[in-house]
Amino acid sequence: MPEGIEAQTRQSLTNIGSVLEEAGLGFGDVVKTTVLLKDIADFAAMNAVYAEFFPELKPARVCYQVAALPMGALVEIDAVAGK
């Protein structure tokens, strides 16, 4: 797992991109995301990277601070997409 919120956000979204591609979809097909942060103070840094993957149409999003994430992660992101 990469170190730092920016690197982990980028890796999470890159992984989502791979899953979308396998399904014949792209980031423009994402309608909702859920972001879990270990520390809500990391929101701005996460959001800067997130905006790189969603430069135009931004899907609905919820973001929560959580007590802990698996393997000591700083961020976890899931996405719902469809055509």
N, C-alpha and C. Protein backbone atom coordinates (compact mmCIF):
# COMPACT_ATOMS: atom_id res chain seq x y z
N MET A 1 0.85 -1.17 0.00
CA MET A 1 0.00 0.00 0.00
C MET A 1 0.90 1.24 0.00
N PRO A 2 0.60 2.19 -0.87
CA PRO A 2 1.41 3.42 -0.88
C PRO A 2 1.26 4.19 0.42
N GLU A 3 2.22 5.04 0.70
CA GLU A 3 2.17 5.88 1.90
C GLU A 3 1.58 7.23 1.56
N GLY A 4 0.82 7.80 2.47
CA GLY A 4 0.28 9.14 2.31
C GLY A 4 -1.11 9.14 1.68
N ILE A 5 -1.88 10.14 2.05
CA ILE A 5 -3.26 10.22 1.59
C ILE A 5 -3.36 10.41 0.09
N GLU A 6 -2.50 11.24 -0.50
CA GLU A 6 -2.57 11.46 -1.94
C GLU A 6 -2.28 10.17 -2.71
N ALA A 7 -1.23 9.49 -2.35
CA ALA A 7 -0.85 8.26 -3.04
C ALA A 7 -1.91 7.17 -2.85
N GLN A 8 -2.48 7.06 -1.67
CA GLN A 8 -3.51 6.05 -1.44
C GLN A 8 -4.79 6.39 -2.18
N THR A 9 -5.14 7.67 -2.26
CA THR A 9 -6.31 8.08 -3.02
C THR A 9 -6.11 7.76 -4.49
N ARG A 10 -4.95 8.10 -5.02
CA ARG A 10 -4.65 7.82 -6.42
C ARG A 10 -4.70 6.32 -6.71
N GLN A 11 -4.16 5.51 -5.82
CA GLN A 11 -4.18 4.06 -6.02
C GLN A 11 -5.60 3.52 -5.97
N SER A 12 -6.39 3.99 -5.03
CA SER A 12 -7.77 3.55 -4.91
C SER A 12 -8.55 3.88 -6.18
N LEU A 13 -8.40 5.09 -6.69
CA LEU A 13 -9.13 5.49 -7.89
C LEU A 13 -8.59 4.80 -9.14
N THR A 14 -7.31 4.54 -9.18
CA THR A 14 -6.73 3.77 -10.30
C THR A 14 -7.31 2.37 -10.30
N ASN A 15 -7.44 1.76 -9.12
CA ASN A 15 -8.04 0.43 -9.01
C ASN A 15 -9.49 0.46 -9.49
N ILE A 16 -10.24 1.47 -9.09
CA ILE A 16 -11.62 1.61 -9.54
C ILE A 16 -11.65 1.75 -11.06
N GLY A 17 -10.73 2.52 -11.61
CA GLY A 17 -10.65 2.69 -13.06
C GLY A 17 -10.44 1.37 -13.78
N SER A 18 -9.62 0.50 -13.22
CA SER A 18 -9.38 -0.82 -13.82
C SER A 18 -10.65 -1.66 -13.82
N VAL A 19 -11.39 -1.63 -12.72
CA VAL A 19 -12.64 -2.38 -12.64
C VAL A 19 -13.66 -1.81 -13.64
N LEU A 20 -13.74 -0.49 -13.72
CA LEU A 20 -14.66 0.13 -14.67
C LEU A 20 -14.32 -0.27 -16.10
N GLU A 21 -13.04 -0.23 -16.42
CA GLU A 21 -12.60 -0.58 -17.78
C GLU A 21 -12.97 -2.02 -18.13
N GLU A 22 -12.77 -2.93 -17.19
CA GLU A 22 -13.14 -4.34 -17.41
C GLU A 22 -14.63 -4.49 -17.70
N ALA A 23 -15.43 -3.59 -17.13
CA ALA A 23 -16.88 -3.64 -17.32
C ALA A 23 -17.33 -2.82 -18.53
N GLY A 24 -16.37 -2.25 -19.26
CA GLY A 24 -16.70 -1.43 -20.41
C GLY A 24 -17.22 -0.06 -20.05
N LEU A 25 -16.84 0.41 -18.87
CA LEU A 25 -17.28 1.71 -18.36
C LEU A 25 -16.08 2.61 -18.10
N GLY A 26 -16.36 3.85 -17.76
CA GLY A 26 -15.31 4.79 -17.40
C GLY A 26 -15.76 5.66 -16.25
N PHE A 27 -14.91 6.58 -15.85
CA PHE A 27 -15.25 7.45 -14.72
C PHE A 27 -16.49 8.30 -15.00
N GLY A 28 -16.76 8.58 -16.27
CA GLY A 28 -17.95 9.34 -16.62
C GLY A 28 -19.25 8.58 -16.36
N ASP A 29 -19.13 7.26 -16.15
CA ASP A 29 -20.30 6.44 -15.87
C ASP A 29 -20.56 6.26 -14.37
N VAL A 30 -19.69 6.80 -13.55
CA VAL A 30 -19.85 6.70 -12.10
C VAL A 30 -20.94 7.66 -11.66
N VAL A 31 -21.92 7.14 -10.91
CA VAL A 31 -23.02 7.99 -10.44
C VAL A 31 -22.93 8.32 -8.96
N LYS A 32 -22.17 7.53 -8.20
CA LYS A 32 -22.04 7.79 -6.76
C LYS A 32 -20.76 7.16 -6.23
N THR A 33 -20.13 7.87 -5.33
CA THR A 33 -18.97 7.31 -4.62
C THR A 33 -19.15 7.48 -3.12
N THR A 34 -18.51 6.61 -2.39
CA THR A 34 -18.43 6.72 -0.94
C THR A 34 -16.96 6.73 -0.58
N VAL A 35 -16.56 7.74 0.18
CA VAL A 35 -15.16 7.90 0.59
C VAL A 35 -15.10 7.74 2.11
N LEU A 36 -14.26 6.83 2.55
CA LEU A 36 -14.01 6.66 3.98
C LEU A 36 -12.61 7.16 4.27
N LEU A 37 -12.50 8.08 5.21
CA LEU A 37 -11.21 8.65 5.60
C LEU A 37 -10.91 8.32 7.05
N LYS A 38 -9.67 7.96 7.30
CA LYS A 38 -9.26 7.74 8.69
C LYS A 38 -9.27 9.07 9.45
N ASP A 39 -8.94 10.15 8.74
CA ASP A 39 -8.90 11.49 9.35
C ASP A 39 -9.56 12.48 8.40
N ILE A 40 -10.67 13.07 8.79
CA ILE A 40 -11.40 14.00 7.94
C ILE A 40 -10.55 15.22 7.58
N ALA A 41 -9.51 15.48 8.34
CA ALA A 41 -8.59 16.58 8.02
C ALA A 41 -7.86 16.32 6.70
N ASP A 42 -7.87 15.08 6.22
CA ASP A 42 -7.25 14.73 4.95
C ASP A 42 -8.17 15.01 3.76
N PHE A 43 -9.37 15.55 4.02
CA PHE A 43 -10.35 15.73 2.95
C PHE A 43 -9.80 16.57 1.80
N ALA A 44 -9.19 17.70 2.07
CA ALA A 44 -8.71 18.58 1.00
C ALA A 44 -7.67 17.89 0.13
N ALA A 45 -6.74 17.19 0.75
CA ALA A 45 -5.70 16.48 -0.02
C ALA A 45 -6.32 15.36 -0.85
N MET A 46 -7.25 14.62 -0.26
CA MET A 46 -7.94 13.57 -1.00
C MET A 46 -8.72 14.18 -2.15
N ASN A 47 -9.43 15.27 -1.89
CA ASN A 47 -10.29 15.89 -2.89
C ASN A 47 -9.50 16.41 -4.08
N ALA A 48 -8.29 16.89 -3.86
CA ALA A 48 -7.45 17.38 -4.96
C ALA A 48 -7.13 16.24 -5.93
N VAL A 49 -6.80 15.07 -5.41
CA VAL A 49 -6.53 13.91 -6.27
C VAL A 49 -7.82 13.42 -6.90
N TYR A 50 -8.88 13.35 -6.14
CA TYR A 50 -10.20 12.91 -6.62
C TYR A 50 -10.61 13.74 -7.83
N ALA A 51 -10.39 15.04 -7.78
CA ALA A 51 -10.78 15.94 -8.88
C ALA A 51 -10.02 15.62 -10.16
N GLU A 52 -8.83 15.05 -10.08
CA GLU A 52 -8.08 14.64 -11.27
C GLU A 52 -8.81 13.54 -12.03
N PHE A 53 -9.50 12.67 -11.31
CA PHE A 53 -10.20 11.54 -11.92
C PHE A 53 -11.62 11.90 -12.36
N PHE A 54 -12.18 12.96 -11.78
CA PHE A 54 -13.52 13.42 -12.12
C PHE A 54 -13.44 14.91 -12.48
N PRO A 55 -12.78 15.25 -13.60
CA PRO A 55 -12.56 16.67 -13.91
C PRO A 55 -13.81 17.43 -14.34
N GLU A 56 -14.79 16.74 -14.92
CA GLU A 56 -15.96 17.44 -15.43
C GLU A 56 -17.20 17.10 -14.62
N LEU A 57 -17.80 15.98 -14.92
CA LEU A 57 -19.01 15.57 -14.21
C LEU A 57 -18.63 14.90 -12.91
N LYS A 58 -19.07 15.45 -11.84
CA LYS A 58 -18.78 14.89 -10.52
C LYS A 58 -19.97 14.05 -10.06
N PRO A 59 -19.73 12.80 -9.70
CA PRO A 59 -20.83 11.98 -9.20
C PRO A 59 -21.24 12.42 -7.80
N ALA A 60 -22.43 12.00 -7.39
CA ALA A 60 -22.83 12.23 -6.00
C ALA A 60 -21.79 11.57 -5.11
N ARG A 61 -21.53 12.16 -3.96
CA ARG A 61 -20.49 11.62 -3.09
C ARG A 61 -20.86 11.82 -1.64
N VAL A 62 -20.54 10.82 -0.84
CA VAL A 62 -20.59 10.97 0.61
C VAL A 62 -19.19 10.68 1.13
N CYS A 63 -18.86 11.32 2.23
CA CYS A 63 -17.53 11.14 2.82
C CYS A 63 -17.69 11.07 4.33
N TYR A 64 -17.05 10.06 4.90
CA TYR A 64 -17.14 9.86 6.35
C TYR A 64 -15.74 9.68 6.94
N GLN A 65 -15.58 10.13 8.17
CA GLN A 65 -14.40 9.77 8.94
C GLN A 65 -14.75 8.49 9.69
N VAL A 66 -13.83 7.54 9.67
CA VAL A 66 -14.07 6.26 10.35
C VAL A 66 -12.95 6.01 11.36
N ALA A 67 -13.21 5.16 12.32
CA ALA A 67 -12.24 4.88 13.37
C ALA A 67 -11.00 4.17 12.84
N ALA A 68 -11.20 3.27 11.88
CA ALA A 68 -10.07 2.52 11.33
C ALA A 68 -10.47 1.91 10.00
N LEU A 69 -9.47 1.67 9.15
CA LEU A 69 -9.66 1.00 7.88
C LEU A 69 -8.75 -0.22 7.82
N PRO A 70 -9.07 -1.21 7.00
CA PRO A 70 -8.24 -2.40 6.91
C PRO A 70 -6.79 -2.07 6.55
N MET A 71 -5.89 -2.83 7.12
CA MET A 71 -4.45 -2.73 6.85
C MET A 71 -3.87 -1.34 7.14
N GLY A 72 -4.55 -0.58 8.00
CA GLY A 72 -4.04 0.74 8.36
C GLY A 72 -4.18 1.79 7.27
N ALA A 73 -5.05 1.54 6.29
CA ALA A 73 -5.24 2.48 5.18
C ALA A 73 -5.73 3.83 5.70
N LEU A 74 -5.45 4.88 4.92
CA LEU A 74 -5.91 6.22 5.24
C LEU A 74 -7.20 6.56 4.54
N VAL A 75 -7.48 5.86 3.42
CA VAL A 75 -8.67 6.15 2.62
C VAL A 75 -9.16 4.86 1.97
N GLU A 76 -10.47 4.80 1.81
CA GLU A 76 -11.11 3.73 1.04
C GLU A 76 -12.22 4.37 0.24
N ILE A 77 -12.31 4.00 -1.03
CA ILE A 77 -13.32 4.59 -1.91
C ILE A 77 -14.05 3.48 -2.64
N ASP A 78 -15.37 3.58 -2.69
CA ASP A 78 -16.12 2.67 -3.55
C ASP A 78 -16.95 3.51 -4.51
N ALA A 79 -17.35 2.89 -5.61
CA ALA A 79 -18.08 3.61 -6.65
C ALA A 79 -19.21 2.76 -7.19
N VAL A 80 -20.29 3.43 -7.57
CA VAL A 80 -21.41 2.80 -8.24
C VAL A 80 -21.47 3.43 -9.62
N ALA A 81 -21.49 2.58 -10.66
CA ALA A 81 -21.51 3.08 -12.03
C ALA A 81 -22.52 2.31 -12.85
N GLY A 82 -22.96 2.90 -13.92
CA GLY A 82 -23.89 2.22 -14.82
C GLY A 82 -24.07 3.02 -16.09
N LYS A 83 -24.59 2.35 -17.07
CA LYS A 83 -24.89 2.98 -18.36
C LYS A 83 -26.35 3.29 -18.46
